[in-house]
Amino acid sequence: MRTALLILAGLLLAALASWLGSPSRRVMAAALFALAWLAVVGWNLRTGLSHGYSLREELPIQLLIYAIPVALAAWLAWKHPLR
């Protein structure tokens, strides 16, 4: 359930970053979102490891938590390029 909530939060934040960024800054907004989301996923990975999960168990989940919202941010930046 936590994974789904984090992915949903990432999707909402990616959409918000794209919406708040002016059309000329959407690529930069997507890149900044990707960096900020990487920090969130790093924190979540550290939390999972501190609760006894191995890196081998956590890494695929963290990859999904990171990749899905960042892919949306990249797609929104690409779909609505500079105007």
PDB file of N, CA and C in Angstrom:
ATOM      1  N   MET A   1       0.819  -1.183   0.000  1.00  0.00           N
ATOM      2  CA  MET A   1       0.000   0.000   0.000  1.00  0.00           C
ATOM      3  C   MET A   1       0.869   1.256   0.000  1.00  0.00           C
ATOM      4  N   ARG A   2       1.966   1.207   0.750  1.00  0.00           N
ATOM      5  CA  ARG A   2       2.868   2.357   0.806  1.00  0.00           C
ATOM      6  C   ARG A   2       3.454   2.649  -0.576  1.00  0.00           C
ATOM      7  N   THR A   3       3.764   1.600  -1.319  1.00  0.00           N
ATOM      8  CA  THR A   3       4.310   1.778  -2.664  1.00  0.00           C
ATOM      9  C   THR A   3       3.309   2.494  -3.555  1.00  0.00           C
ATOM     10  N   ALA A   4       2.066   2.066  -3.515  1.00  0.00           N
ATOM     11  CA  ALA A   4       1.034   2.699  -4.341  1.00  0.00           C
ATOM     12  C   ALA A   4       0.833   4.163  -3.956  1.00  0.00           C
ATOM     13  N   LEU A   5       0.866   4.449  -2.667  1.00  0.00           N
ATOM     14  CA  LEU A   5       0.699   5.830  -2.215  1.00  0.00           C
ATOM     15  C   LEU A   5       1.869   6.711  -2.660  1.00  0.00           C
ATOM     16  N   LEU A   6       3.073   6.174  -2.592  1.00  0.00           N
ATOM     17  CA  LEU A   6       4.225   6.952  -3.031  1.00  0.00           C
ATOM     18  C   LEU A   6       4.191   7.192  -4.546  1.00  0.00           C
ATOM     19  N   ILE A   7       3.798   6.198  -5.302  1.00  0.00           N
ATOM     20  CA  ILE A   7       3.698   6.386  -6.752  1.00  0.00           C
ATOM     21  C   ILE A   7       2.624   7.418  -7.068  1.00  0.00           C
ATOM     22  N   LEU A   8       1.480   7.327  -6.404  1.00  0.00           N
ATOM     23  CA  LEU A   8       0.407   8.294  -6.618  1.00  0.00           C
ATOM     24  C   LEU A   8       0.856   9.700  -6.244  1.00  0.00           C
ATOM     25  N   ALA A   9       1.543   9.836  -5.115  1.00  0.00           N
ATOM     26  CA  ALA A   9       2.054  11.151  -4.712  1.00  0.00           C
ATOM     27  C   ALA A   9       3.042  11.677  -5.752  1.00  0.00           C
ATOM     28  N   GLY A  10       3.904  10.812  -6.252  1.00  0.00           N
ATOM     29  CA  GLY A  10       4.862  11.228  -7.284  1.00  0.00           C
ATOM     30  C   GLY A  10       4.174  11.667  -8.563  1.00  0.00           C
ATOM     31  N   LEU A  11       3.128  10.946  -8.967  1.00  0.00           N
ATOM     32  CA  LEU A  11       2.390  11.324 -10.170  1.00  0.00           C
ATOM     33  C   LEU A  11       1.728  12.685  -9.997  1.00  0.00           C
ATOM     34  N   LEU A  12       1.138  12.903  -8.834  1.00  0.00           N
ATOM     35  CA  LEU A  12       0.499  14.194  -8.572  1.00  0.00           C
ATOM     36  C   LEU A  12       1.519  15.321  -8.538  1.00  0.00           C
ATOM     37  N   LEU A  13       2.664  15.092  -7.912  1.00  0.00           N
ATOM     38  CA  LEU A  13       3.706  16.121  -7.868  1.00  0.00           C
ATOM     39  C   LEU A  13       4.315  16.381  -9.246  1.00  0.00           C
ATOM     40  N   ALA A  14       4.450  15.346 -10.050  1.00  0.00           N
ATOM     41  CA  ALA A  14       4.969  15.530 -11.411  1.00  0.00           C
ATOM     42  C   ALA A  14       4.005  16.377 -12.238  1.00  0.00           C
ATOM     43  N   ALA A  15       2.721  16.089 -12.122  1.00  0.00           N
ATOM     44  CA  ALA A  15       1.720  16.883 -12.847  1.00  0.00           C
ATOM     45  C   ALA A  15       1.710  18.316 -12.344  1.00  0.00           C
ATOM     46  N   LEU A  16       1.828  18.497 -11.046  1.00  0.00           N
ATOM     47  CA  LEU A  16       1.848  19.836 -10.470  1.00  0.00           C
ATOM     48  C   LEU A  16       3.077  20.610 -10.931  1.00  0.00           C
ATOM     49  N   ALA A  17       4.230  19.965 -10.962  1.00  0.00           N
ATOM     50  CA  ALA A  17       5.456  20.623 -11.427  1.00  0.00           C
ATOM     51  C   ALA A  17       5.320  21.048 -12.881  1.00  0.00           C
ATOM     52  N   SER A  18       4.699  20.207 -13.687  1.00  0.00           N
ATOM     53  CA  SER A  18       4.501  20.551 -15.096  1.00  0.00           C
ATOM     54  C   SER A  18       3.492  21.685 -15.245  1.00  0.00           C
ATOM     55  N   TRP A  19       2.451  21.652 -14.444  1.00  0.00           N
ATOM     56  CA  TRP A  19       1.402  22.658 -14.538  1.00  0.00           C
ATOM     57  C   TRP A  19       1.893  24.024 -14.049  1.00  0.00           C
ATOM     58  N   LEU A  20       2.693  24.024 -12.976  1.00  0.00           N
ATOM     59  CA  LEU A  20       3.182  25.286 -12.421  1.00  0.00           C
ATOM     60  C   LEU A  20       4.285  25.900 -13.269  1.00  0.00           C
ATOM     61  N   GLY A  21       5.018  25.078 -13.974  1.00  0.00           N
ATOM     62  CA  GLY A  21       6.089  25.594 -14.807  1.00  0.00           C
ATOM     63  C   GLY A  21       5.537  26.230 -16.070  1.00  0.00           C
ATOM     64  N   SER A  22       6.084  27.374 -16.422  1.00  0.00           N
ATOM     65  CA  SER A  22       5.657  28.001 -17.669  1.00  0.00           C
ATOM     66  C   SER A  22       6.064  27.096 -18.829  1.00  0.00           C
ATOM     67  N   PRO A  23       5.417  27.235 -19.972  1.00  0.00           N
ATOM     68  CA  PRO A  23       5.760  26.353 -21.101  1.00  0.00           C
ATOM     69  C   PRO A  23       7.247  26.372 -21.457  1.00  0.00           C
ATOM     70  N   SER A  24       7.896  27.505 -21.285  1.00  0.00           N
ATOM     71  CA  SER A  24       9.313  27.570 -21.626  1.00  0.00           C
ATOM     72  C   SER A  24      10.206  26.915 -20.568  1.00  0.00           C
ATOM     73  N   ARG A  25       9.651  26.583 -19.426  1.00  0.00           N
ATOM     74  CA  ARG A  25      10.438  26.012 -18.333  1.00  0.00           C
ATOM     75  C   ARG A  25      10.013  24.590 -17.967  1.00  0.00           C
ATOM     76  N   ARG A  26       9.195  23.951 -18.776  1.00  0.00           N
ATOM     77  CA  ARG A  26       8.702  22.616 -18.424  1.00  0.00           C
ATOM     78  C   ARG A  26       9.806  21.572 -18.395  1.00  0.00           C
ATOM     79  N   VAL A  27      10.773  21.678 -19.272  1.00  0.00           N
ATOM     80  CA  VAL A  27      11.884  20.717 -19.264  1.00  0.00           C
ATOM     81  C   VAL A  27      12.698  20.886 -17.982  1.00  0.00           C
ATOM     82  N   MET A  28      12.942  22.131 -17.598  1.00  0.00           N
ATOM     83  CA  MET A  28      13.682  22.375 -16.361  1.00  0.00           C
ATOM     84  C   MET A  28      12.866  21.910 -15.154  1.00  0.00           C
ATOM     85  N   ALA A  29      11.563  22.136 -15.185  1.00  0.00           N
ATOM     86  CA  ALA A  29      10.706  21.676 -14.084  1.00  0.00           C
ATOM     87  C   ALA A  29      10.746  20.163 -13.975  1.00  0.00           C
ATOM     88  N   ALA A  30      10.734  19.471 -15.101  1.00  0.00           N
ATOM     89  CA  ALA A  30      10.804  18.004 -15.091  1.00  0.00           C
ATOM     90  C   ALA A  30      12.148  17.538 -14.540  1.00  0.00           C
ATOM     91  N   ALA A  31      13.223  18.199 -14.913  1.00  0.00           N
ATOM     92  CA  ALA A  31      14.547  17.816 -14.418  1.00  0.00           C
ATOM     93  C   ALA A  31      14.667  18.070 -12.915  1.00  0.00           C
ATOM     94  N   LEU A  32      14.160  19.198 -12.443  1.00  0.00           N
ATOM     95  CA  LEU A  32      14.199  19.485 -11.013  1.00  0.00           C
ATOM     96  C   LEU A  32      13.314  18.522 -10.236  1.00  0.00           C
ATOM     97  N   PHE A  33      12.169  18.181 -10.813  1.00  0.00           N
ATOM     98  CA  PHE A  33      11.314  17.189 -10.166  1.00  0.00           C
ATOM     99  C   PHE A  33      12.040  15.853 -10.057  1.00  0.00           C
ATOM    100  N   ALA A  34      12.732  15.443 -11.134  1.00  0.00           N
ATOM    101  CA  ALA A  34      13.446  14.161 -11.120  1.00  0.00           C
ATOM    102  C   ALA A  34      14.502  14.138 -10.018  1.00  0.00           C
ATOM    103  N   LEU A  35      15.201  15.233  -9.819  1.00  0.00           N
ATOM    104  CA  LEU A  35      16.209  15.296  -8.754  1.00  0.00           C
ATOM    105  C   LEU A  35      15.562  15.269  -7.374  1.00  0.00           C
ATOM    106  N   ALA A  36      14.500  16.045  -7.199  1.00  0.00           N
ATOM    107  CA  ALA A  36      13.810  16.070  -5.904  1.00  0.00           C
ATOM    108  C   ALA A  36      13.186  14.709  -5.605  1.00  0.00           C
ATOM    109  N   TRP A  37      12.613  14.074  -6.624  1.00  0.00           N
ATOM    110  CA  TRP A  37      11.984  12.774  -6.417  1.00  0.00           C
ATOM    111  C   TRP A  37      13.029  11.705  -6.110  1.00  0.00           C
ATOM    112  N   LEU A  38      14.215  11.848  -6.673  1.00  0.00           N
ATOM    113  CA  LEU A  38      15.311  10.931  -6.353  1.00  0.00           C
ATOM    114  C   LEU A  38      15.660  11.022  -4.866  1.00  0.00           C
ATOM    115  N   ALA A  39      15.629  12.233  -4.315  1.00  0.00           N
ATOM    116  CA  ALA A  39      15.892  12.400  -2.881  1.00  0.00           C
ATOM    117  C   ALA A  39      14.803  11.716  -2.053  1.00  0.00           C
ATOM    118  N   VAL A  40      13.551  11.848  -2.470  1.00  0.00           N
ATOM    119  CA  VAL A  40      12.444  11.206  -1.756  1.00  0.00           C
ATOM    120  C   VAL A  40      12.598   9.688  -1.810  1.00  0.00           C
ATOM    121  N   VAL A  41      12.923   9.172  -2.978  1.00  0.00           N
ATOM    122  CA  VAL A  41      13.087   7.720  -3.127  1.00  0.00           C
ATOM    123  C   VAL A  41      14.300   7.238  -2.326  1.00  0.00           C
ATOM    124  N   GLY A  42      15.348   8.030  -2.284  1.00  0.00           N
ATOM    125  CA  GLY A  42      16.511   7.678  -1.467  1.00  0.00           C
ATOM    126  C   GLY A  42      16.153   7.598   0.010  1.00  0.00           C
ATOM    127  N   TRP A  43      15.344   8.546   0.470  1.00  0.00           N
ATOM    128  CA  TRP A  43      14.879   8.519   1.852  1.00  0.00           C
ATOM    129  C   TRP A  43      14.026   7.267   2.098  1.00  0.00           C
ATOM    130  N   ASN A  44      13.151   6.942   1.152  1.00  0.00           N
ATOM    131  CA  ASN A  44      12.302   5.767   1.295  1.00  0.00           C
ATOM    132  C   ASN A  44      13.138   4.482   1.285  1.00  0.00           C
ATOM    133  N   LEU A  45      14.161   4.439   0.466  1.00  0.00           N
ATOM    134  CA  LEU A  45      15.067   3.288   0.444  1.00  0.00           C
ATOM    135  C   LEU A  45      15.772   3.136   1.782  1.00  0.00           C
ATOM    136  N   ARG A  46      16.263   4.234   2.320  1.00  0.00           N
ATOM    137  CA  ARG A  46      16.934   4.203   3.621  1.00  0.00           C
ATOM    138  C   ARG A  46      15.982   3.719   4.711  1.00  0.00           C
ATOM    139  N   THR A  47      14.727   4.163   4.634  1.00  0.00           N
ATOM    140  CA  THR A  47      13.729   3.729   5.609  1.00  0.00           C
ATOM    141  C   THR A  47      13.496   2.225   5.510  1.00  0.00           C
ATOM    142  N   GLY A  48      13.371   1.715   4.302  1.00  0.00           N
ATOM    143  CA  GLY A  48      13.169   0.280   4.117  1.00  0.00           C
ATOM    144  C   GLY A  48      14.346  -0.535   4.605  1.00  0.00           C
ATOM    145  N   LEU A  49      15.546  -0.050   4.326  1.00  0.00           N
ATOM    146  CA  LEU A  49      16.746  -0.771   4.772  1.00  0.00           C
ATOM    147  C   LEU A  49      16.862  -0.751   6.290  1.00  0.00           C
ATOM    148  N   SER A  50      16.449   0.359   6.905  1.00  0.00           N
ATOM    149  CA  SER A  50      16.535   0.438   8.364  1.00  0.00           C
ATOM    150  C   SER A  50      15.501  -0.450   9.051  1.00  0.00           C
ATOM    151  N   HIS A  51      14.480  -0.868   8.304  1.00  0.00           N
ATOM    152  CA  HIS A  51      13.477  -1.768   8.871  1.00  0.00           C
ATOM    153  C   HIS A  51      13.778  -3.242   8.575  1.00  0.00           C
ATOM    154  N   GLY A  52      14.963  -3.511   8.090  1.00  0.00           N
ATOM    155  CA  GLY A  52      15.397  -4.892   7.949  1.00  0.00           C
ATOM    156  C   GLY A  52      15.276  -5.492   6.558  1.00  0.00           C
ATOM    157  N   TYR A  53      14.793  -4.736   5.582  1.00  0.00           N
ATOM    158  CA  TYR A  53      14.729  -5.256   4.225  1.00  0.00           C
ATOM    159  C   TYR A  53      16.104  -5.157   3.578  1.00  0.00           C
ATOM    160  N   SER A  54      16.402  -6.095   2.700  1.00  0.00           N
ATOM    161  CA  SER A  54      17.698  -6.068   2.032  1.00  0.00           C
ATOM    162  C   SER A  54      17.623  -5.152   0.810  1.00  0.00           C
ATOM    163  N   LEU A  55      18.778  -4.744   0.343  1.00  0.00           N
ATOM    164  CA  LEU A  55      18.848  -3.906  -0.845  1.00  0.00           C
ATOM    165  C   LEU A  55      18.265  -4.647  -2.048  1.00  0.00           C
ATOM    166  N   ARG A  56      18.483  -5.936  -2.085  1.00  0.00           N
ATOM    167  CA  ARG A  56      17.959  -6.758  -3.180  1.00  0.00           C
ATOM    168  C   ARG A  56      16.428  -6.757  -3.201  1.00  0.00           C
ATOM    169  N   GLU A  57      15.811  -6.698  -2.026  1.00  0.00           N
ATOM    170  CA  GLU A  57      14.351  -6.642  -1.951  1.00  0.00           C
ATOM    171  C   GLU A  57      13.821  -5.241  -2.277  1.00  0.00           C
ATOM    172  N   GLU A  58      14.535  -4.237  -1.832  1.00  0.00           N
ATOM    173  CA  GLU A  58      14.059  -2.862  -1.947  1.00  0.00           C
ATOM    174  C   GLU A  58      14.294  -2.236  -3.321  1.00  0.00           C
ATOM    175  N   LEU A  59      15.375  -2.579  -3.976  1.00  0.00           N
ATOM    176  CA  LEU A  59      15.758  -1.895  -5.204  1.00  0.00           C
ATOM    177  C   LEU A  59      14.701  -1.947  -6.307  1.00  0.00           C
ATOM    178  N   PRO A  60      14.098  -3.080  -6.624  1.00  0.00           N
ATOM    179  CA  PRO A  60      13.079  -3.084  -7.685  1.00  0.00           C
ATOM    180  C   PRO A  60      11.861  -2.208  -7.345  1.00  0.00           C
ATOM    181  N   ILE A  61      11.489  -2.206  -6.092  1.00  0.00           N
ATOM    182  CA  ILE A  61      10.346  -1.395  -5.679  1.00  0.00           C
ATOM    183  C   ILE A  61      10.686   0.087  -5.790  1.00  0.00           C
ATOM    184  N   GLN A  62      11.873   0.447  -5.330  1.00  0.00           N
ATOM    185  CA  GLN A  62      12.285   1.853  -5.395  1.00  0.00           C
ATOM    186  C   GLN A  62      12.434   2.318  -6.842  1.00  0.00           C
ATOM    187  N   LEU A  63      12.856   1.425  -7.703  1.00  0.00           N
ATOM    188  CA  LEU A  63      12.960   1.767  -9.119  1.00  0.00           C
ATOM    189  C   LEU A  63      11.586   2.112  -9.690  1.00  0.00           C
ATOM    190  N   LEU A  64      10.579   1.338  -9.343  1.00  0.00           N
ATOM    191  CA  LEU A  64       9.217   1.650  -9.792  1.00  0.00           C
ATOM    192  C   LEU A  64       8.725   2.967  -9.214  1.00  0.00           C
ATOM    193  N   ILE A  65       8.969   3.174  -7.932  1.00  0.00           N
ATOM    194  CA  ILE A  65       8.531   4.408  -7.280  1.00  0.00           C
ATOM    195  C   ILE A  65       9.183   5.620  -7.943  1.00  0.00           C
ATOM    196  N   TYR A  66      10.402   5.472  -8.401  1.00  0.00           N
ATOM    197  CA  TYR A  66      11.098   6.575  -9.062  1.00  0.00           C
ATOM    198  C   TYR A  66      10.709   6.702 -10.534  1.00  0.00           C
ATOM    199  N   ALA A  67      10.707   5.598 -11.250  1.00  0.00           N
ATOM    200  CA  ALA A  67      10.595   5.645 -12.709  1.00  0.00           C
ATOM    201  C   ALA A  67       9.210   6.077 -13.196  1.00  0.00           C
ATOM    202  N   ILE A  68       8.156   5.642 -12.550  1.00  0.00           N
ATOM    203  CA  ILE A  68       6.815   5.950 -13.048  1.00  0.00           C
ATOM    204  C   ILE A  68       6.527   7.456 -12.993  1.00  0.00           C
ATOM    205  N   PRO A  69       6.713   8.141 -11.852  1.00  0.00           N
ATOM    206  CA  PRO A  69       6.467   9.584 -11.843  1.00  0.00           C
ATOM    207  C   PRO A  69       7.433  10.384 -12.723  1.00  0.00           C
ATOM    208  N   VAL A  70       8.695   9.962 -12.768  1.00  0.00           N
ATOM    209  CA  VAL A  70       9.660  10.687 -13.603  1.00  0.00           C
ATOM    210  C   VAL A  70       9.321  10.503 -15.085  1.00  0.00           C
ATOM    211  N   ALA A  71       8.838   9.328 -15.456  1.00  0.00           N
ATOM    212  CA  ALA A  71       8.411   9.115 -16.846  1.00  0.00           C
ATOM    213  C   ALA A  71       7.234  10.028 -17.186  1.00  0.00           C
ATOM    214  N   LEU A  72       6.306  10.197 -16.251  1.00  0.00           N
ATOM    215  CA  LEU A  72       5.193  11.119 -16.494  1.00  0.00           C
ATOM    216  C   LEU A  72       5.698  12.547 -16.650  1.00  0.00           C
ATOM    217  N   ALA A  73       6.599  12.969 -15.789  1.00  0.00           N
ATOM    218  CA  ALA A  73       7.149  14.322 -15.883  1.00  0.00           C
ATOM    219  C   ALA A  73       7.852  14.530 -17.224  1.00  0.00           C
ATOM    220  N   ALA A  74       8.624  13.541 -17.663  1.00  0.00           N
ATOM    221  CA  ALA A  74       9.315  13.650 -18.955  1.00  0.00           C
ATOM    222  C   ALA A  74       8.314  13.685 -20.102  1.00  0.00           C
ATOM    223  N   TRP A  75       7.276  12.871 -20.013  1.00  0.00           N
ATOM    224  CA  TRP A  75       6.272  12.842 -21.071  1.00  0.00           C
ATOM    225  C   TRP A  75       5.529  14.168 -21.146  1.00  0.00           C
ATOM    226  N   LEU A  76       5.188  14.743 -20.002  1.00  0.00           N
ATOM    227  CA  LEU A  76       4.498  16.034 -20.002  1.00  0.00           C
ATOM    228  C   LEU A  76       5.389  17.134 -20.564  1.00  0.00           C
ATOM    229  N   ALA A  77       6.675  17.092 -20.257  1.00  0.00           N
ATOM    230  CA  ALA A  77       7.605  18.086 -20.797  1.00  0.00           C
ATOM    231  C   ALA A  77       7.761  17.901 -22.297  1.00  0.00           C
ATOM    232  N   TRP A  78       7.749  16.656 -22.755  1.00  0.00           N
ATOM    233  CA  TRP A  78       7.893  16.394 -24.189  1.00  0.00           C
ATOM    234  C   TRP A  78       6.608  16.698 -24.941  1.00  0.00           C
ATOM    235  N   LYS A  79       5.470  16.373 -24.357  1.00  0.00           N
ATOM    236  CA  LYS A  79       4.191  16.569 -25.022  1.00  0.00           C
ATOM    237  C   LYS A  79       3.879  18.046 -25.186  1.00  0.00           C
ATOM    238  N   HIS A  80       4.277  18.853 -24.245  1.00  0.00           N
ATOM    239  CA  HIS A  80       4.024  20.292 -24.299  1.00  0.00           C
ATOM    240  C   HIS A  80       5.356  21.035 -24.317  1.00  0.00           C
ATOM    241  N   PRO A  81       6.060  21.000 -25.450  1.00  0.00           N
ATOM    242  CA  PRO A  81       7.384  21.630 -25.502  1.00  0.00           C
ATOM    243  C   PRO A  81       7.271  23.160 -25.492  1.00  0.00           C
ATOM    244  N   LEU A  82       8.380  23.776 -25.676  1.00  0.00           N
ATOM    245  CA  LEU A  82       8.441  25.243 -25.695  1.00  0.00           C
ATOM    246  C   LEU A  82       7.445  25.823 -26.693  1.00  0.00           C
ATOM    247  N   ARG A  83       6.734  26.804 -26.242  1.00  0.00           N
ATOM    248  CA  ARG A  83       5.769  27.473 -27.142  1.00  0.00           C
ATOM    249  C   ARG A  83       5.970  28.954 -27.099  1.00  0.00           C
TER     250      ARG A  83
END
